[in-house]
Protein backbone atom coordinates (compact mmCIF):
# COMPACT_ATOMS: atom_id res chain seq x y z
CA MET A 1 -8.13 4.87 44.66
CA GLY A 2 -4.67 3.83 43.66
CA PHE A 3 -3.17 0.41 43.23
CA ALA A 4 -1.48 0.63 46.66
CA GLU A 5 -4.86 0.60 48.43
CA THR A 6 -6.12 -2.16 46.16
CA PHE A 7 -3.12 -4.41 46.74
CA LYS A 8 -3.28 -3.74 50.50
CA ALA A 9 -6.94 -4.75 50.48
CA LEU A 10 -6.21 -7.90 48.48
CA SER A 11 -3.23 -8.89 50.65
CA ASP A 12 -5.38 -10.17 53.52
CA PRO A 13 -6.86 -13.68 53.28
CA THR A 14 -10.06 -12.70 55.12
CA ARG A 15 -10.69 -9.86 52.67
CA ARG A 16 -10.04 -12.18 49.73
CA GLU A 17 -12.58 -14.62 51.18
CA ILE A 18 -15.11 -11.78 51.52
CA LEU A 19 -14.58 -11.00 47.83
CA ASN A 20 -15.15 -14.68 47.00
CA LEU A 21 -18.44 -14.57 48.90
CA LEU A 22 -19.51 -11.41 47.08
CA ARG A 23 -18.85 -13.04 43.70
CA GLU A 24 -22.12 -14.89 44.29
CA GLY A 25 -24.01 -11.62 44.75
CA PRO A 26 -24.63 -8.83 47.27
CA LEU A 27 -24.66 -9.68 50.99
CA THR A 28 -25.39 -7.73 54.14
CA ALA A 29 -22.70 -7.31 56.79
CA GLY A 30 -24.62 -9.73 59.00
CA GLU A 31 -24.65 -12.38 56.28
CA ILE A 32 -20.91 -11.94 55.82
CA VAL A 33 -20.23 -12.15 59.57
CA GLU A 34 -22.13 -15.47 59.73
CA ARG A 35 -19.54 -17.03 57.41
CA PHE A 36 -16.58 -16.22 59.66
CA ASP A 37 -15.46 -17.01 63.19
CA MET A 38 -14.78 -13.32 63.89
CA THR A 39 -16.53 -10.45 65.58
CA GLY A 40 -18.77 -8.08 63.68
CA ALA A 41 -16.30 -5.29 64.43
CA THR A 42 -13.48 -7.23 62.78
CA ILE A 43 -15.54 -7.92 59.65
CA SER A 44 -16.64 -4.27 59.63
CA HIS A 45 -12.97 -3.25 59.57
CA HIS A 46 -12.28 -5.58 56.63
CA LEU A 47 -15.31 -4.21 54.77
CA SER A 48 -14.06 -0.67 55.41
CA VAL A 49 -10.63 -1.47 53.94
CA LEU A 50 -12.22 -3.08 50.87
CA LYS A 51 -14.57 -0.14 50.41
CA HIS A 52 -11.76 2.43 50.82
CA ALA A 53 -9.82 0.57 48.12
CA GLY A 54 -12.87 0.74 45.85
CA VAL A 55 -13.04 -3.03 45.50
CA ILE A 56 -16.55 -3.17 47.00
CA ASP A 57 -19.45 -0.76 47.17
CA ASP A 58 -22.52 -0.70 49.35
CA GLU A 59 -26.15 0.20 48.89
CA LYS A 60 -28.80 0.75 51.54
CA LYS A 61 -32.04 -1.13 50.91
CA GLY A 62 -34.58 -0.67 53.66
CA LYS A 63 -32.87 -1.19 56.99
CA TYR A 64 -29.97 -3.20 55.53
CA ILE A 65 -26.77 -2.24 53.77
CA TYR A 66 -25.78 -4.61 50.99
CA TYR A 67 -22.17 -5.00 49.92
CA TYR A 68 -21.24 -5.97 46.37
CA LEU A 69 -18.15 -6.25 44.19
CA ASN A 70 -16.96 -3.26 42.20
CA SER A 71 -15.34 -5.19 39.39
CA SER A 72 -14.16 -2.06 37.54
CA VAL A 73 -11.27 -1.63 40.02
CA LEU A 74 -10.36 -5.29 39.64
CA ASP A 75 -10.51 -4.88 35.85
CA ASP A 76 -8.07 -1.97 36.09
CA VAL A 77 -5.61 -4.07 38.11
CA LEU A 78 -5.97 -7.03 35.76
CA ASN A 79 -5.43 -4.85 32.69
CA TRP A 80 -2.32 -3.34 34.28
CA ILE A 81 -0.92 -6.80 35.04
CA LEU A 82 -1.69 -7.96 31.50
CA SER A 83 0.05 -4.87 30.12
CA LEU A 84 3.19 -5.94 31.97
CA LYS A 85 3.02 -9.19 30.05
CA GLY A 86 2.52 -7.29 26.82
CA GLU A 87 -1.13 -8.25 26.53
CA THR A 88 -4.20 -6.05 26.43
CA ASP A 89 -7.82 -6.71 27.29
CA ASP A 90 -8.56 -7.07 23.57
CA GLU A 91 -6.00 -9.84 23.16
CA LYS A 92 -7.33 -12.14 25.92
């Protein structure tokens, strides 16, 4: 996915909070829904946007689907931003 999808995904505060939750480790959709005052359908939409942007991935384990961060996309964005400043990953 391109940066446009990534920045769109990161532009929403609910999606950023989902990413913060996933920093601690994989969670099921139900576990994510429990942390918000929103419907499951709304959280499902946010998860779909994040997944389409490549910022999260999912994995089925038994009867549950676990969502987890895909940090490689975030690394790409960070490296691009650092390149604008004239820095590279090696210089950090």
